[in-house]
PDB file of N, CA and C in Angstrom:
ATOM      1  N   UNK A   1     106.323 131.333 205.342  1.00  0.00           N
ATOM      2  CA  UNK A   1     105.952 130.692 204.844  1.00  0.00           C
ATOM      3  C   UNK A   1     103.979 131.075 204.471  1.00  0.00           C
ATOM      4  N   UNK A   2     104.307 130.015 203.312  1.00  0.00           N
ATOM      5  CA  UNK A   2     102.793 131.506 202.736  1.00  0.00           C
ATOM      6  C   UNK A   2     101.015 130.287 203.606  1.00  0.00           C
ATOM      7  N   UNK A   3     100.352 130.763 202.291  1.00  0.00           N
ATOM      8  CA  UNK A   3      99.324 129.454 203.044  1.00  0.00           C
ATOM      9  C   UNK A   3      98.803 128.062 202.796  1.00  0.00           C
ATOM     10  N   UNK A   4     100.303 127.883 201.089  1.00  0.00           N
ATOM     11  CA  UNK A   4      99.926 126.808 200.693  1.00  0.00           C
ATOM     12  C   UNK A   4     101.322 126.011 200.720  1.00  0.00           C
ATOM     13  N   UNK A   5     102.128 126.483 201.787  1.00  0.00           N
ATOM     14  CA  UNK A   5     103.062 125.451 202.217  1.00  0.00           C
ATOM     15  C   UNK A   5     104.350 125.612 200.912  1.00  0.00           C
ATOM     16  N   UNK A   6     104.451 127.141 200.238  1.00  0.00           N
ATOM     17  CA  UNK A   6     105.779 126.865 199.818  1.00  0.00           C
ATOM     18  C   UNK A   6     106.099 128.096 200.559  1.00  0.00           C
ATOM     19  N   UNK A   7     107.156 127.931 200.577  1.00  0.00           N
ATOM     20  CA  UNK A   7     108.503 129.367 200.818  1.00  0.00           C
ATOM     21  C   UNK A   7     108.700 130.163 200.573  1.00  0.00           C
ATOM     22  N   UNK A   8     108.921 131.397 200.835  1.00  0.00           N
ATOM     23  CA  UNK A   8     108.130 132.813 200.479  1.00  0.00           C
ATOM     24  C   UNK A   8     109.018 132.906 199.163  1.00  0.00           C
ATOM     25  N   UNK A   9     109.192 132.967 198.463  1.00  0.00           N
ATOM     26  CA  UNK A   9     110.053 133.083 196.812  1.00  0.00           C
ATOM     27  C   UNK A   9     109.705 132.773 196.203  1.00  0.00           C
ATOM     28  N   UNK A  10     109.481 131.386 196.050  1.00  0.00           N
ATOM     29  CA  UNK A  10     109.118 130.213 195.103  1.00  0.00           C
ATOM     30  C   UNK A  10     108.243 130.610 193.759  1.00  0.00           C
ATOM     31  N   UNK A  11     107.627 130.944 194.346  1.00  0.00           N
ATOM     32  CA  UNK A  11     106.379 132.126 193.892  1.00  0.00           C
ATOM     33  C   UNK A  11     106.803 132.639 192.131  1.00  0.00           C
ATOM     34  N   UNK A  12     108.596 133.143 192.246  1.00  0.00           N
ATOM     35  CA  UNK A  12     108.791 133.220 191.000  1.00  0.00           C
ATOM     36  C   UNK A  12     109.973 132.498 190.629  1.00  0.00           C
ATOM     37  N   UNK A  13     109.983 131.015 191.302  1.00  0.00           N
ATOM     38  CA  UNK A  13     110.268 130.380 190.527  1.00  0.00           C
ATOM     39  C   UNK A  13     109.855 129.460 189.528  1.00  0.00           C
ATOM     40  N   UNK A  14     108.041 129.170 189.755  1.00  0.00           N
ATOM     41  CA  UNK A  14     106.943 128.272 189.760  1.00  0.00           C
ATOM     42  C   UNK A  14     107.295 128.632 187.332  1.00  0.00           C
ATOM     43  N   UNK A  15     107.258 129.617 187.545  1.00  0.00           N
ATOM     44  CA  UNK A  15     107.396 130.433 186.468  1.00  0.00           C
ATOM     45  C   UNK A  15     108.760 129.236 184.678  1.00  0.00           C
ATOM     46  N   UNK A  16     110.237 129.280 186.034  1.00  0.00           N
ATOM     47  CA  UNK A  16     111.177 128.234 185.393  1.00  0.00           C
ATOM     48  C   UNK A  16     110.125 126.951 185.567  1.00  0.00           C
ATOM     49  N   UNK A  17     110.370 126.150 186.524  1.00  0.00           N
ATOM     50  CA  UNK A  17     109.154 125.051 186.713  1.00  0.00           C
ATOM     51  C   UNK A  17     108.421 124.963 186.065  1.00  0.00           C
ATOM     52  N   UNK A  18     107.252 125.785 184.793  1.00  0.00           N
ATOM     53  CA  UNK A  18     106.093 125.420 183.914  1.00  0.00           C
ATOM     54  C   UNK A  18     106.579 125.408 182.197  1.00  0.00           C
ATOM     55  N   UNK A  19     108.071 125.729 182.152  1.00  0.00           N
ATOM     56  CA  UNK A  19     109.092 125.878 181.590  1.00  0.00           C
ATOM     57  C   UNK A  19     110.080 125.078 181.493  1.00  0.00           C
ATOM     58  N   UNK A  20     110.160 124.579 182.470  1.00  0.00           N
ATOM     59  CA  UNK A  20     111.036 122.333 182.486  1.00  0.00           C
ATOM     60  C   UNK A  20     109.981 121.534 181.769  1.00  0.00           C
ATOM     61  N   UNK A  21     108.212 121.762 182.471  1.00  0.00           N
ATOM     62  CA  UNK A  21     107.080 121.028 182.361  1.00  0.00           C
ATOM     63  C   UNK A  21     107.671 120.687 180.918  1.00  0.00           C
ATOM     64  N   UNK A  22     107.109 121.995 180.041  1.00  0.00           N
ATOM     65  CA  UNK A  22     106.795 122.904 178.973  1.00  0.00           C
ATOM     66  C   UNK A  22     107.718 122.134 178.061  1.00  0.00           C
ATOM     67  N   UNK A  23     109.412 122.323 178.267  1.00  0.00           N
ATOM     68  CA  UNK A  23     110.295 121.959 177.088  1.00  0.00           C
ATOM     69  C   UNK A  23     110.357 119.747 177.423  1.00  0.00           C
ATOM     70  N   UNK A  24     109.907 119.739 178.419  1.00  0.00           N
ATOM     71  CA  UNK A  24     109.421 117.948 178.944  1.00  0.00           C
ATOM     72  C   UNK A  24     108.525 117.690 177.695  1.00  0.00           C
ATOM     73  N   UNK A  25     107.207 117.661 177.643  1.00  0.00           N
ATOM     74  CA  UNK A  25     106.152 117.439 177.224  1.00  0.00           C
ATOM     75  C   UNK A  25     106.249 118.291 175.444  1.00  0.00           C
ATOM     76  N   UNK A  26     106.704 118.229 175.221  1.00  0.00           N
ATOM     77  CA  UNK A  26     106.435 119.453 174.190  1.00  0.00           C
ATOM     78  C   UNK A  26     106.499 118.202 173.315  1.00  0.00           C
ATOM     79  N   UNK A  27     108.646 117.371 172.652  1.00  0.00           N
ATOM     80  CA  UNK A  27     108.864 116.531 172.537  1.00  0.00           C
ATOM     81  C   UNK A  27     107.900 115.709 173.055  1.00  0.00           C
ATOM     82  N   UNK A  28     107.186 115.106 173.647  1.00  0.00           N
ATOM     83  CA  UNK A  28     106.530 113.919 173.022  1.00  0.00           C
ATOM     84  C   UNK A  28     105.140 114.234 172.707  1.00  0.00           C
ATOM     85  N   UNK A  29     103.997 115.021 172.759  1.00  0.00           N
ATOM     86  CA  UNK A  29     103.687 115.880 172.073  1.00  0.00           C
ATOM     87  C   UNK A  29     103.333 115.655 170.483  1.00  0.00           C
ATOM     88  N   UNK A  30     104.853 116.728 170.705  1.00  0.00           N
ATOM     89  CA  UNK A  30     104.826 116.390 169.295  1.00  0.00           C
ATOM     90  C   UNK A  30     105.457 115.317 168.160  1.00  0.00           C
ATOM     91  N   UNK A  31     105.518 114.160 168.778  1.00  0.00           N
ATOM     92  CA  UNK A  31     106.312 112.357 168.511  1.00  0.00           C
ATOM     93  C   UNK A  31     104.284 111.893 167.835  1.00  0.00           C
ATOM     94  N   UNK A  32     103.528 112.774 169.324  1.00  0.00           N
ATOM     95  CA  UNK A  32     102.335 111.646 169.465  1.00  0.00           C
ATOM     96  C   UNK A  32     101.579 112.463 168.219  1.00  0.00           C
ATOM     97  N   UNK A  33     101.511 112.758 167.663  1.00  0.00           N
ATOM     98  CA  UNK A  33     100.664 114.190 166.135  1.00  0.00           C
ATOM     99  C   UNK A  33     101.394 113.732 165.279  1.00  0.00           C
ATOM    100  N   UNK A  34     102.926 113.517 165.500  1.00  0.00           N
ATOM    101  CA  UNK A  34     103.401 113.510 163.822  1.00  0.00           C
ATOM    102  C   UNK A  34     102.720 112.442 164.143  1.00  0.00           C
ATOM    103  N   UNK A  35     103.077 110.747 165.065  1.00  0.00           N
ATOM    104  CA  UNK A  35     103.149 109.526 164.717  1.00  0.00           C
ATOM    105  C   UNK A  35     101.742 109.167 164.362  1.00  0.00           C
ATOM    106  N   UNK A  36     100.181 109.964 164.503  1.00  0.00           N
ATOM    107  CA  UNK A  36      99.381 109.951 163.975  1.00  0.00           C
ATOM    108  C   UNK A  36      98.643 110.619 162.764  1.00  0.00           C
ATOM    109  N   UNK A  37      99.572 111.509 162.112  1.00  0.00           N
ATOM    110  CA  UNK A  37      99.962 111.826 160.663  1.00  0.00           C
ATOM    111  C   UNK A  37     100.482 110.753 159.382  1.00  0.00           C
ATOM    112  N   UNK A  38     101.836 110.351 160.098  1.00  0.00           N
ATOM    113  CA  UNK A  38     101.948 109.198 159.572  1.00  0.00           C
ATOM    114  C   UNK A  38     101.685 108.094 159.555  1.00  0.00           C
ATOM    115  N   UNK A  39     100.740 107.648 160.142  1.00  0.00           N
ATOM    116  CA  UNK A  39      99.885 106.291 160.868  1.00  0.00           C
ATOM    117  C   UNK A  39      98.371 106.532 159.017  1.00  0.00           C
ATOM    118  N   UNK A  40      98.395 108.199 159.572  1.00  0.00           N
ATOM    119  CA  UNK A  40      96.660 108.109 159.025  1.00  0.00           C
ATOM    120  C   UNK A  40      96.652 108.419 156.906  1.00  0.00           C
ATOM    121  N   UNK A  41      98.250 108.608 157.377  1.00  0.00           N
ATOM    122  CA  UNK A  41      98.880 108.628 155.136  1.00  0.00           C
ATOM    123  C   UNK A  41      98.973 106.947 155.278  1.00  0.00           C
ATOM    124  N   UNK A  42      99.486 105.919 156.206  1.00  0.00           N
ATOM    125  CA  UNK A  42      99.607 105.009 155.593  1.00  0.00           C
ATOM    126  C   UNK A  42      98.356 104.162 155.314  1.00  0.00           C
ATOM    127  N   UNK A  43      97.694 104.268 156.370  1.00  0.00           N
ATOM    128  CA  UNK A  43      96.355 103.970 156.086  1.00  0.00           C
ATOM    129  C   UNK A  43      95.272 104.096 155.090  1.00  0.00           C
ATOM    130  N   UNK A  44      96.009 105.235 154.398  1.00  0.00           N
ATOM    131  CA  UNK A  44      95.470 105.842 153.045  1.00  0.00           C
ATOM    132  C   UNK A  44      96.172 105.357 152.034  1.00  0.00           C
ATOM    133  N   UNK A  45      97.051 105.291 151.813  1.00  0.00           N
ATOM    134  CA  UNK A  45      97.844 104.095 150.400  1.00  0.00           C
ATOM    135  C   UNK A  45      98.091 103.105 150.441  1.00  0.00           C
ATOM    136  N   UNK A  46      98.306 102.474 152.095  1.00  0.00           N
ATOM    137  CA  UNK A  46      97.378 101.100 152.170  1.00  0.00           C
ATOM    138  C   UNK A  46      95.898 101.043 151.704  1.00  0.00           C
ATOM    139  N   UNK A  47      94.525 101.335 151.957  1.00  0.00           N
ATOM    140  CA  UNK A  47      93.072 101.073 150.937  1.00  0.00           C
ATOM    141  C   UNK A  47      93.838 102.278 149.657  1.00  0.00           C
ATOM    142  N   UNK A  48      94.986 102.576 149.096  1.00  0.00           N
ATOM    143  CA  UNK A  48      94.120 102.996 147.520  1.00  0.00           C
ATOM    144  C   UNK A  48      95.068 101.474 146.899  1.00  0.00           C
ATOM    145  N   UNK A  49      96.320 101.040 147.020  1.00  0.00           N
ATOM    146  CA  UNK A  49      96.190 100.005 146.483  1.00  0.00           C
ATOM    147  C   UNK A  49      95.162  99.079 146.927  1.00  0.00           C
ATOM    148  N   UNK A  50      94.717  98.941 148.275  1.00  0.00           N
ATOM    149  CA  UNK A  50      93.087  97.624 147.686  1.00  0.00           C
ATOM    150  C   UNK A  50      92.508  97.724 147.253  1.00  0.00           C
ATOM    151  N   UNK A  51      92.136  99.239 146.633  1.00  0.00           N
ATOM    152  CA  UNK A  51      91.094  99.082 145.615  1.00  0.00           C
ATOM    153  C   UNK A  51      92.061  99.215 144.185  1.00  0.00           C
ATOM    154  N   UNK A  52      93.633  99.467 143.972  1.00  0.00           N
ATOM    155  CA  UNK A  52      93.368  98.888 142.477  1.00  0.00           C
ATOM    156  C   UNK A  52      94.250  98.203 142.333  1.00  0.00           C
ATOM    157  N   UNK A  53      94.043  97.192 143.610  1.00  0.00           N
ATOM    158  CA  UNK A  53      94.860  95.976 143.069  1.00  0.00           C
ATOM    159  C   UNK A  53      92.468  95.264 143.090  1.00  0.00           C
ATOM    160  N   UNK A  54      91.910  95.624 143.060  1.00  0.00           N
ATOM    161  CA  UNK A  54      90.098  95.281 143.551  1.00  0.00           C
ATOM    162  C   UNK A  54      89.707  95.183 141.834  1.00  0.00           C
ATOM    163  N   UNK A  55      90.084  96.027 141.088  1.00  0.00           N
ATOM    164  CA  UNK A  55      89.768  96.997 140.296  1.00  0.00           C
ATOM    165  C   UNK A  55      90.488  96.575 139.045  1.00  0.00           C
ATOM    166  N   UNK A  56      91.606  95.529 139.073  1.00  0.00           N
ATOM    167  CA  UNK A  56      92.813  94.911 139.087  1.00  0.00           C
ATOM    168  C   UNK A  56      91.609  93.557 138.509  1.00  0.00           C
ATOM    169  N   UNK A  57      92.339  92.885 139.126  1.00  0.00           N
ATOM    170  CA  UNK A  57      91.192  92.456 139.483  1.00  0.00           C
ATOM    171  C   UNK A  57      89.737  91.758 139.313  1.00  0.00           C
ATOM    172  N   UNK A  58      89.325  92.935 139.508  1.00  0.00           N
ATOM    173  CA  UNK A  58      87.371  93.002 138.177  1.00  0.00           C
ATOM    174  C   UNK A  58      87.751  93.009 137.578  1.00  0.00           C
ATOM    175  N   UNK A  59      88.222  93.884 136.368  1.00  0.00           N
ATOM    176  CA  UNK A  59      88.910  93.760 134.915  1.00  0.00           C
ATOM    177  C   UNK A  59      89.341  92.506 134.983  1.00  0.00           C
ATOM    178  N   UNK A  60      91.067  91.060 135.487  1.00  0.00           N
ATOM    179  CA  UNK A  60      90.194  90.198 135.331  1.00  0.00           C
ATOM    180  C   UNK A  60      90.290  88.787 134.971  1.00  0.00           C
ATOM    181  N   UNK A  61      88.238  88.873 135.920  1.00  0.00           N
ATOM    182  CA  UNK A  61      87.878  88.294 135.485  1.00  0.00           C
ATOM    183  C   UNK A  61      86.261  87.925 134.751  1.00  0.00           C
ATOM    184  N   UNK A  62      86.502  89.514 134.052  1.00  0.00           N
ATOM    185  CA  UNK A  62      85.483  90.591 133.067  1.00  0.00           C
ATOM    186  C   UNK A  62      86.644  89.891 131.546  1.00  0.00           C
ATOM    187  N   UNK A  63      87.767  89.576 131.602  1.00  0.00           N
ATOM    188  CA  UNK A  63      87.625  89.922 130.529  1.00  0.00           C
ATOM    189  C   UNK A  63      88.972  88.856 130.014  1.00  0.00           C
ATOM    190  N   UNK A  64      88.971  87.890 129.325  1.00  0.00           N
ATOM    191  CA  UNK A  64      89.958  87.085 129.184  1.00  0.00           C
ATOM    192  C   UNK A  64      91.366  87.381 128.112  1.00  0.00           C
ATOM    193  N   UNK A  65      90.511  88.899 127.694  1.00  0.00           N
ATOM    194  CA  UNK A  65      92.139  89.037 126.872  1.00  0.00           C
ATOM    195  C   UNK A  65      91.453  90.483 126.788  1.00  0.00           C
ATOM    196  N   UNK A  66      93.162  91.365 126.825  1.00  0.00           N
ATOM    197  CA  UNK A  66      92.782  93.271 127.036  1.00  0.00           C
ATOM    198  C   UNK A  66      92.431  93.128 125.463  1.00  0.00           C
ATOM    199  N   UNK A  67      90.843  94.055 125.294  1.00  0.00           N
ATOM    200  CA  UNK A  67      91.045  94.791 123.662  1.00  0.00           C
ATOM    201  C   UNK A  67      92.136  95.062 123.265  1.00  0.00           C
ATOM    202  N   UNK A  68      92.716  95.407 122.145  1.00  0.00           N
ATOM    203  CA  UNK A  68      93.603  96.754 121.861  1.00  0.00           C
ATOM    204  C   UNK A  68      92.862  98.121 121.842  1.00  0.00           C
ATOM    205  N   UNK A  69      92.007  97.907 122.238  1.00  0.00           N
ATOM    206  CA  UNK A  69      91.649  99.768 122.368  1.00  0.00           C
ATOM    207  C   UNK A  69      91.513  99.635 123.828  1.00  0.00           C
ATOM    208  N   UNK A  70      92.210  99.215 124.248  1.00  0.00           N
ATOM    209  CA  UNK A  70      92.280  99.394 125.581  1.00  0.00           C
ATOM    210  C   UNK A  70      93.469  99.795 126.649  1.00  0.00           C
ATOM    211  N   UNK A  71      94.444  98.797 125.471  1.00  0.00           N
ATOM    212  CA  UNK A  71      95.883  98.801 126.366  1.00  0.00           C
ATOM    213  C   UNK A  71      96.753  99.986 125.696  1.00  0.00           C
ATOM    214  N   UNK A  72      97.000 100.221 126.947  1.00  0.00           N
ATOM    215  CA  UNK A  72      97.931 101.045 126.981  1.00  0.00           C
ATOM    216  C   UNK A  72      99.595 100.776 126.906  1.00  0.00           C
ATOM    217  N   UNK A  73      99.524  99.352 126.477  1.00  0.00           N
ATOM    218  CA  UNK A  73     101.098  98.530 126.130  1.00  0.00           C
ATOM    219  C   UNK A  73     100.457  97.944 124.802  1.00  0.00           C
ATOM    220  N   UNK A  74      99.804  97.918 124.248  1.00  0.00           N
ATOM    221  CA  UNK A  74      99.810  97.918 122.768  1.00  0.00           C
ATOM    222  C   UNK A  74     101.762  97.290 121.960  1.00  0.00           C
ATOM    223  N   UNK A  75     102.117  96.368 121.848  1.00  0.00           N
ATOM    224  CA  UNK A  75     102.950  96.760 120.208  1.00  0.00           C
ATOM    225  C   UNK A  75     102.871  97.564 119.614  1.00  0.00           C
ATOM    226  N   UNK A  76     101.781  97.257 119.258  1.00  0.00           N
ATOM    227  CA  UNK A  76     101.191  97.337 117.583  1.00  0.00           C
ATOM    228  C   UNK A  76     101.094  98.660 117.205  1.00  0.00           C
ATOM    229  N   UNK A  77     101.588  98.919 116.757  1.00  0.00           N
ATOM    230  CA  UNK A  77     100.566 100.461 116.240  1.00  0.00           C
ATOM    231  C   UNK A  77      99.243 100.813 115.845  1.00  0.00           C
ATOM    232  N   UNK A  78      98.100 101.568 116.726  1.00  0.00           N
ATOM    233  CA  UNK A  78      96.989 102.062 115.905  1.00  0.00           C
ATOM    234  C   UNK A  78      96.611 101.329 114.082  1.00  0.00           C
ATOM    235  N   UNK A  79      97.796 102.021 113.250  1.00  0.00           N
ATOM    236  CA  UNK A  79      97.469 101.675 112.090  1.00  0.00           C
ATOM    237  C   UNK A  79      97.925 100.723 111.252  1.00  0.00           C
ATOM    238  N   UNK A  80      98.250  99.579 111.546  1.00  0.00           N
ATOM    239  CA  UNK A  80      99.197  98.320 111.014  1.00  0.00           C
ATOM    240  C   UNK A  80      97.431  97.439 111.290  1.00  0.00           C
TER     241      UNK A  80
END
């Protein structure tokens, strides 16, 4: 026996233990990493939608009717 309590020859197998631990931990860490990335993307999308809704509400509060010059869906042509 060595002074740390392990039998002789087990030092050669400690590399195998490290490989197994690595193989178990890597999927967990990758799942956590990609989960954080997806969550931050979802928060960014929610923020953009909220900002667009706020801008539309602000425009609706300012104008009772959208002038034809600012309307992109006007059915009339500019020459009429």
